[in-house]
Each structure stands twice: as C-alpha cells, then as structure tokens.
Amino acid sequence: MIQRINRILSEAGLASRRKADELIRSGRIMLNGKVLTELGTKAEWGKDSIRLDATEIPGPEEKIYLILNKPFGYVCTLNDPQGRPIVTDLLQDVSQRVYPVGRLDFDSMGLLLLTNDGDFSFQLTHPKYHIPRTYKVTIQGTVTEKDMETIKAGMELEDGFISASGAALIGRQGEKSIIRLTIAQGRNRIVRRMIEAWVTA
C-alpha cells in the first residue's frame, strides 16, 4: 500500500508522525537511494527502499487481530508499575508485539481486542468515530425502568456531558439489578462514573 513516509516511520515504531517530519526536514531519510526533504512524499512500504541514517527500516509486520475474553484481575496495559497481571500475560504463541484496543478496568471482564494495527486501533477508539460499546453492569439495589430513562437521558460529569444511546434493565439477581448500557464515547472509567453520578444525584 502506498502511503506517506511519516506514516510508515510511525507504523515501524521509529518515530511519531511529527517527529518523522522533522527527520525528513533534516535530511536523515533516504528513499530509493536519494535524500528525502519534501514532506508528504509517499512510498510503498516493503517494496521501496527507505533508510533512516543510512539504515534500512524493517518491512511491515503481519497484521494481527485477537479477541480475548478478559477476566477480572488484569489490567489493559503493557506495563503496570504496581506489578499487577497484564492482559498480554494471557496470550500464548504470539510472536508479534500486540496491544489492547481501548481498556477494561482491573475489576471488569469482557471482550477485548488486541492488535498491532495502529490505524485499526485508532478508528475504533478515537472519539470522532463514535464507535458504540455495550456493557453489562451489575448494580447493588433495585433499578427501575424510570431509572433507565434517567441514565439514558444523560448527566454532567467533571469532563463533560455524557449520555447512553441505549439503556435497558435486563434482570435481577436477589438484591442486585443487571442493566445493559451502550455508549458511543470512550472515556476513562466512564461506566463506573456514570453509575456513581446517577446513584449520588
């Protein structure tokens, strides 16, 4: 696939796109034996010769897309300063470096995607794409259909207004209620914060 040089350098893990532009401006990038100084130049990664400081950059890795049922007690990061288990500890026989697409809390379980495809991850997680995410939430106490309408209508949080595109009561287990929420905005701990805000309102 023909793409911009700065994007190739970024996907190769050598620099951010902004830093890659700086490398191009400084004449440190060679394309097919010629020093490259023009931003926006395109090439075919793996076919054209692209060098950084005279060293050939590696070709593109095979794209990998994994689906994992994340259990409780794992964090969605590649390195945890607290030493807690990380989701990649659960993978076997995966030679390429992959990372989680989005996050589930340490105390949450559910479907998690892992990949080495940066564009794919960006399109699923960036707020501008409004990709819906559906959560099953267990709440202590009795939740009514009216409560569901209140949650769906939305609420103001410290980082702005949030609403659910879908909210439904799906069952009860003793003194606990089980609800389903669909949200098209990715924010840190958004489901927990929505429920906490609703409970304390």
C-alpha atoms as a PDB file:
ATOM      1  CA  MET A   1       0.000   0.000   0.000  1.00  0.00           C
ATOM      2  CA  ILE A   2       1.337   3.425  -0.976  1.00  0.00           C
ATOM      3  CA  GLN A   3       1.348   5.818   1.978  1.00  0.00           C
ATOM      4  CA  ARG A   4       3.164   8.847   3.351  1.00  0.00           C
ATOM      5  CA  ILE A   5       6.712   8.339   4.602  1.00  0.00           C
ATOM      6  CA  ASN A   6       5.941   9.848   8.007  1.00  0.00           C
ATOM      7  CA  ARG A   7       3.145   7.301   8.482  1.00  0.00           C
ATOM      8  CA  ILE A   8       5.461   4.448   7.512  1.00  0.00           C
ATOM      9  CA  LEU A   9       8.077   5.573  10.035  1.00  0.00           C
ATOM     10  CA  SER A  10       5.376   5.834  12.687  1.00  0.00           C
ATOM     11  CA  GLU A  11       3.963   2.362  11.997  1.00  0.00           C
ATOM     12  CA  ALA A  12       7.505   0.973  12.032  1.00  0.00           C
ATOM     13  CA  GLY A  13       7.798   2.281  15.597  1.00  0.00           C
ATOM     14  CA  LEU A  14      10.699   4.612  14.759  1.00  0.00           C
ATOM     15  CA  ALA A  15       9.056   7.989  15.413  1.00  0.00           C
ATOM     16  CA  SER A  16       5.759   9.775  15.765  1.00  0.00           C
ATOM     17  CA  ARG A  17       4.453  11.330  12.554  1.00  0.00           C
ATOM     18  CA  ARG A  18       5.516  14.785  13.778  1.00  0.00           C
ATOM     19  CA  LYS A  19       8.988  13.544  14.669  1.00  0.00           C
ATOM     20  CA  ALA A  20       9.176  11.735  11.328  1.00  0.00           C
ATOM     21  CA  ASP A  21       8.540  15.042   9.553  1.00  0.00           C
ATOM     22  CA  GLU A  22      11.449  16.529  11.483  1.00  0.00           C
ATOM     23  CA  LEU A  23      13.665  13.642  10.361  1.00  0.00           C
ATOM     24  CA  ILE A  24      12.641  14.283   6.749  1.00  0.00           C
ATOM     25  CA  ARG A  25      13.322  18.017   7.012  1.00  0.00           C
ATOM     26  CA  SER A  26      16.774  17.354   8.456  1.00  0.00           C
ATOM     27  CA  GLY A  27      17.705  15.091   5.537  1.00  0.00           C
ATOM     28  CA  ARG A  28      18.045  11.933   7.610  1.00  0.00           C
ATOM     29  CA  ILE A  29      15.638   9.893   5.455  1.00  0.00           C
ATOM     30  CA  MET A  30      16.580   8.318   2.126  1.00  0.00           C
ATOM     31  CA  LEU A  31      14.064   6.968  -0.375  1.00  0.00           C
ATOM     32  CA  ASN A  32      15.401   4.621  -3.042  1.00  0.00           C
ATOM     33  CA  GLY A  33      18.936   5.951  -2.602  1.00  0.00           C
ATOM     34  CA  LYS A  34      18.081   9.668  -2.612  1.00  0.00           C
ATOM     35  CA  VAL A  35      17.950  12.016   0.367  1.00  0.00           C
ATOM     36  CA  LEU A  36      14.347  12.985   1.044  1.00  0.00           C
ATOM     37  CA  THR A  37      13.462  16.517   2.185  1.00  0.00           C
ATOM     38  CA  GLU A  38       9.926  17.019   0.850  1.00  0.00           C
ATOM     39  CA  LEU A  39       7.109  16.387   3.323  1.00  0.00           C
ATOM     40  CA  GLY A  40       4.147  14.388   2.087  1.00  0.00           C
ATOM     41  CA  THR A  41       6.237  12.112  -0.123  1.00  0.00           C
ATOM     42  CA  LYS A  42       4.720   8.646  -0.477  1.00  0.00           C
ATOM     43  CA  ALA A  43       6.238   5.190  -0.849  1.00  0.00           C
ATOM     44  CA  GLU A  44       5.273   1.533  -0.761  1.00  0.00           C
ATOM     45  CA  TRP A  45       6.484   0.065   2.490  1.00  0.00           C
ATOM     46  CA  GLY A  46       8.277  -3.228   1.966  1.00  0.00           C
ATOM     47  CA  LYS A  47       8.941  -2.516  -1.716  1.00  0.00           C
ATOM     48  CA  ASP A  48      10.655   0.873  -1.810  1.00  0.00           C
ATOM     49  CA  SER A  49      13.976   1.305  -0.014  1.00  0.00           C
ATOM     50  CA  ILE A  50      13.541   3.606   2.994  1.00  0.00           C
ATOM     51  CA  ARG A  51      16.558   4.380   5.164  1.00  0.00           C
ATOM     52  CA  LEU A  52      16.984   6.289   8.405  1.00  0.00           C
ATOM     53  CA  ASP A  53      20.572   7.487   8.861  1.00  0.00           C
ATOM     54  CA  ALA A  54      21.611   5.016   6.128  1.00  0.00           C
ATOM     55  CA  THR A  55      20.000   2.071   7.952  1.00  0.00           C
ATOM     56  CA  GLU A  56      17.205   0.259   6.106  1.00  0.00           C
ATOM     57  CA  ILE A  57      13.989   0.297   8.116  1.00  0.00           C
ATOM     58  CA  PRO A  58      12.311  -3.086   8.666  1.00  0.00           C
ATOM     59  CA  GLY A  59       9.412  -4.150   6.487  1.00  0.00           C
ATOM     60  CA  PRO A  60       5.830  -4.162   7.737  1.00  0.00           C
ATOM     61  CA  GLU A  61       4.778  -6.819  10.200  1.00  0.00           C
ATOM     62  CA  GLU A  62       1.865  -9.110   9.521  1.00  0.00           C
ATOM     63  CA  LYS A  63      -1.266  -7.513  10.976  1.00  0.00           C
ATOM     64  CA  ILE A  64      -2.724  -9.465  13.864  1.00  0.00           C
ATOM     65  CA  TYR A  65      -6.229  -9.124  15.335  1.00  0.00           C
ATOM     66  CA  LEU A  66      -7.031 -11.046  18.509  1.00  0.00           C
ATOM     67  CA  ILE A  67     -10.238 -11.332  20.523  1.00  0.00           C
ATOM     68  CA  LEU A  68      -9.778 -12.014  24.237  1.00  0.00           C
ATOM     69  CA  ASN A  69     -12.367 -12.593  26.945  1.00  0.00           C
ATOM     70  CA  LYS A  70     -10.597 -10.573  29.611  1.00  0.00           C
ATOM     71  CA  PRO A  71     -11.177 -11.958  33.108  1.00  0.00           C
ATOM     72  CA  PHE A  72     -11.264  -9.991  36.350  1.00  0.00           C
ATOM     73  CA  GLY A  73      -7.910  -9.086  37.838  1.00  0.00           C
ATOM     74  CA  TYR A  74      -5.956  -7.985  34.754  1.00  0.00           C
ATOM     75  CA  VAL A  75      -5.037  -4.503  33.561  1.00  0.00           C
ATOM     76  CA  CYS A  76      -5.211  -3.405  29.918  1.00  0.00           C
ATOM     77  CA  THR A  77      -1.685  -2.091  29.604  1.00  0.00           C
ATOM     78  CA  LEU A  78       1.690  -3.456  28.531  1.00  0.00           C
ATOM     79  CA  ASN A  79       3.454  -2.435  31.732  1.00  0.00           C
ATOM     80  CA  ASP A  80       1.969  -1.914  35.174  1.00  0.00           C
ATOM     81  CA  PRO A  81       4.062  -0.062  37.812  1.00  0.00           C
ATOM     82  CA  GLN A  82       2.060  -1.790  40.554  1.00  0.00           C
ATOM     83  CA  GLY A  83       3.061  -5.212  39.253  1.00  0.00           C
ATOM     84  CA  ARG A  84      -0.481  -6.396  38.597  1.00  0.00           C
ATOM     85  CA  PRO A  85      -1.165  -9.041  35.912  1.00  0.00           C
ATOM     86  CA  ILE A  86      -1.484  -7.595  32.402  1.00  0.00           C
ATOM     87  CA  VAL A  87      -3.725  -8.878  29.623  1.00  0.00           C
ATOM     88  CA  THR A  88      -0.840  -9.948  27.383  1.00  0.00           C
ATOM     89  CA  ASP A  89       0.145 -12.456  30.103  1.00  0.00           C
ATOM     90  CA  LEU A  90      -2.865 -14.427  28.879  1.00  0.00           C
ATOM     91  CA  LEU A  91      -1.556 -14.785  25.309  1.00  0.00           C
ATOM     92  CA  GLN A  92       0.306 -17.826  24.057  1.00  0.00           C
ATOM     93  CA  ASP A  93       2.266 -18.407  20.844  1.00  0.00           C
ATOM     94  CA  VAL A  94       2.001 -14.772  19.709  1.00  0.00           C
ATOM     95  CA  SER A  95       5.410 -13.642  18.471  1.00  0.00           C
ATOM     96  CA  GLN A  96       4.473 -10.078  17.424  1.00  0.00           C
ATOM     97  CA  ARG A  97       4.000  -7.270  19.896  1.00  0.00           C
ATOM     98  CA  VAL A  98       0.281  -6.525  20.246  1.00  0.00           C
ATOM     99  CA  TYR A  99      -1.536  -4.074  22.480  1.00  0.00           C
ATOM    100  CA  PRO A 100      -5.111  -3.636  23.748  1.00  0.00           C
ATOM    101  CA  VAL A 101      -7.635  -1.628  21.733  1.00  0.00           C
ATOM    102  CA  GLY A 102      -9.239   0.506  24.425  1.00  0.00           C
ATOM    103  CA  ARG A 103      -9.407  -0.572  28.035  1.00  0.00           C
ATOM    104  CA  LEU A 104     -11.424  -2.524  30.529  1.00  0.00           C
ATOM    105  CA  ASP A 105     -10.923  -1.811  34.229  1.00  0.00           C
ATOM    106  CA  PHE A 106      -8.960  -4.152  36.507  1.00  0.00           C
ATOM    107  CA  ASP A 107     -12.281  -5.187  38.089  1.00  0.00           C
ATOM    108  CA  SER A 108     -14.117  -5.595  34.756  1.00  0.00           C
ATOM    109  CA  MET A 109     -14.373  -8.548  32.416  1.00  0.00           C
ATOM    110  CA  GLY A 110     -15.451  -8.832  28.797  1.00  0.00           C
ATOM    111  CA  LEU A 111     -14.453  -8.792  25.151  1.00  0.00           C
ATOM    112  CA  LEU A 112     -11.166  -7.070  24.415  1.00  0.00           C
ATOM    113  CA  LEU A 113      -9.409  -6.645  21.073  1.00  0.00           C
ATOM    114  CA  LEU A 114      -5.639  -6.739  20.743  1.00  0.00           C
ATOM    115  CA  THR A 115      -3.705  -5.838  17.608  1.00  0.00           C
ATOM    116  CA  ASN A 116      -0.512  -4.410  16.131  1.00  0.00           C
ATOM    117  CA  ASP A 117      -2.529  -2.377  13.607  1.00  0.00           C
ATOM    118  CA  GLY A 118      -2.354   1.259  14.686  1.00  0.00           C
ATOM    119  CA  ASP A 119      -4.880   2.533  12.145  1.00  0.00           C
ATOM    120  CA  PHE A 120      -7.428  -0.094  13.138  1.00  0.00           C
ATOM    121  CA  SER A 121      -6.977   0.761  16.814  1.00  0.00           C
ATOM    122  CA  PHE A 122      -7.281   4.494  16.123  1.00  0.00           C
ATOM    123  CA  GLN A 123     -10.523   4.110  14.180  1.00  0.00           C
ATOM    124  CA  LEU A 124     -12.094   2.076  16.975  1.00  0.00           C
ATOM    125  CA  THR A 125     -11.000   4.264  19.887  1.00  0.00           C
ATOM    126  CA  HIS A 126     -10.887   7.886  18.694  1.00  0.00           C
ATOM    127  CA  PRO A 127     -13.958   9.852  19.868  1.00  0.00           C
ATOM    128  CA  LYS A 128     -14.617  11.306  16.402  1.00  0.00           C
ATOM    129  CA  TYR A 129     -15.704   7.895  15.079  1.00  0.00           C
ATOM    130  CA  HIS A 130     -18.386   7.373  17.767  1.00  0.00           C
ATOM    131  CA  ILE A 131     -17.989   3.587  17.864  1.00  0.00           C
ATOM    132  CA  PRO A 132     -20.646   2.198  20.266  1.00  0.00           C
ATOM    133  CA  ARG A 133     -19.627  -0.051  23.136  1.00  0.00           C
ATOM    134  CA  THR A 134     -22.095  -2.176  25.061  1.00  0.00           C
ATOM    135  CA  TYR A 135     -21.618  -3.038  28.730  1.00  0.00           C
ATOM    136  CA  LYS A 136     -23.425  -5.369  31.100  1.00  0.00           C
ATOM    137  CA  VAL A 137     -23.429  -3.831  34.561  1.00  0.00           C
ATOM    138  CA  THR A 138     -24.453  -5.308  37.903  1.00  0.00           C
ATOM    139  CA  ILE A 139     -25.692  -2.738  40.430  1.00  0.00           C
ATOM    140  CA  GLN A 140     -26.482  -3.237  44.097  1.00  0.00           C
ATOM    141  CA  GLY A 141     -30.141  -2.427  44.753  1.00  0.00           C
ATOM    142  CA  THR A 142     -33.330  -2.155  42.726  1.00  0.00           C
ATOM    143  CA  VAL A 143     -33.193  -0.306  39.408  1.00  0.00           C
ATOM    144  CA  THR A 144     -36.451   0.626  37.679  1.00  0.00           C
ATOM    145  CA  GLU A 145     -37.367   1.361  34.088  1.00  0.00           C
ATOM    146  CA  LYS A 146     -37.685   5.029  35.078  1.00  0.00           C
ATOM    147  CA  ASP A 147     -34.116   4.910  36.338  1.00  0.00           C
ATOM    148  CA  MET A 148     -33.081   3.589  32.942  1.00  0.00           C
ATOM    149  CA  GLU A 149     -34.702   6.565  31.229  1.00  0.00           C
ATOM    150  CA  THR A 150     -32.804   8.898  33.557  1.00  0.00           C
ATOM    151  CA  ILE A 151     -29.489   7.215  32.788  1.00  0.00           C
ATOM    152  CA  LYS A 152     -30.201   7.202  29.061  1.00  0.00           C
ATOM    153  CA  ALA A 153     -31.047  10.927  29.113  1.00  0.00           C
ATOM    154  CA  GLY A 154     -27.547  11.592  30.343  1.00  0.00           C
ATOM    155  CA  MET A 155     -25.740  13.528  33.044  1.00  0.00           C
ATOM    156  CA  GLU A 156     -22.999  16.060  33.548  1.00  0.00           C
ATOM    157  CA  LEU A 157     -19.636  14.675  34.657  1.00  0.00           C
ATOM    158  CA  GLU A 158     -16.436  16.537  35.536  1.00  0.00           C
ATOM    159  CA  ASP A 159     -15.180  16.094  31.959  1.00  0.00           C
ATOM    160  CA  GLY A 160     -18.445  16.984  30.217  1.00  0.00           C
ATOM    161  CA  PHE A 161     -21.940  15.726  29.462  1.00  0.00           C
ATOM    162  CA  ILE A 162     -22.439  12.026  28.727  1.00  0.00           C
ATOM    163  CA  SER A 163     -25.483  10.034  27.653  1.00  0.00           C
ATOM    164  CA  ALA A 164     -26.194   6.443  26.697  1.00  0.00           C
ATOM    165  CA  SER A 165     -27.522   5.596  23.251  1.00  0.00           C
ATOM    166  CA  GLY A 166     -29.102   2.538  24.839  1.00  0.00           C
ATOM    167  CA  ALA A 167     -30.029   1.616  28.405  1.00  0.00           C
ATOM    168  CA  ALA A 168     -32.128  -1.365  29.461  1.00  0.00           C
ATOM    169  CA  LEU A 169     -32.927  -3.322  32.594  1.00  0.00           C
ATOM    170  CA  ILE A 170     -32.288  -6.958  31.700  1.00  0.00           C
ATOM    171  CA  GLY A 171     -32.781  -8.764  35.007  1.00  0.00           C
ATOM    172  CA  ARG A 172     -32.342  -9.039  38.750  1.00  0.00           C
ATOM    173  CA  GLN A 173     -30.391 -11.384  40.997  1.00  0.00           C
ATOM    174  CA  GLY A 174     -31.540 -11.123  44.579  1.00  0.00           C
ATOM    175  CA  GLU A 175     -30.824  -7.576  45.732  1.00  0.00           C
ATOM    176  CA  LYS A 176     -28.849  -6.736  42.588  1.00  0.00           C
ATOM    177  CA  SER A 177     -30.041  -5.332  39.260  1.00  0.00           C
ATOM    178  CA  ILE A 178     -28.450  -6.100  35.887  1.00  0.00           C
ATOM    179  CA  ILE A 179     -28.542  -3.441  33.194  1.00  0.00           C
ATOM    180  CA  ARG A 180     -27.183  -3.046  29.680  1.00  0.00           C
ATOM    181  CA  LEU A 181     -25.606   0.261  28.603  1.00  0.00           C
ATOM    182  CA  THR A 182     -24.495   1.285  25.125  1.00  0.00           C
ATOM    183  CA  ILE A 183     -22.174   4.276  24.938  1.00  0.00           C
ATOM    184  CA  ALA A 184     -20.534   5.820  21.889  1.00  0.00           C
ATOM    185  CA  GLN A 185     -17.963   7.894  23.774  1.00  0.00           C
ATOM    186  CA  GLY A 186     -14.715   6.437  25.040  1.00  0.00           C
ATOM    187  CA  ARG A 187     -13.658   7.966  28.351  1.00  0.00           C
ATOM    188  CA  ASN A 188     -11.716   6.693  31.334  1.00  0.00           C
ATOM    189  CA  ARG A 189     -13.889   4.555  33.669  1.00  0.00           C
ATOM    190  CA  ILE A 190     -16.949   6.070  32.010  1.00  0.00           C
ATOM    191  CA  VAL A 191     -19.487   3.379  33.000  1.00  0.00           C
ATOM    192  CA  ARG A 192     -18.495   3.404  36.669  1.00  0.00           C
ATOM    193  CA  ARG A 193     -18.552   7.194  36.753  1.00  0.00           C
ATOM    194  CA  MET A 194     -21.977   7.331  35.105  1.00  0.00           C
ATOM    195  CA  ILE A 195     -23.437   4.908  37.626  1.00  0.00           C
ATOM    196  CA  GLU A 196     -21.813   6.693  40.553  1.00  0.00           C
ATOM    197  CA  ALA A 197     -23.144  10.045  39.330  1.00  0.00           C
ATOM    198  CA  TRP A 198     -26.641   8.591  38.910  1.00  0.00           C
ATOM    199  CA  VAL A 199     -26.605   6.991  42.377  1.00  0.00           C
ATOM    200  CA  THR A 200     -25.474  10.186  44.099  1.00  0.00           C
ATOM    201  CA  ALA A 201     -27.751  12.542  42.108  1.00  0.00           C
END
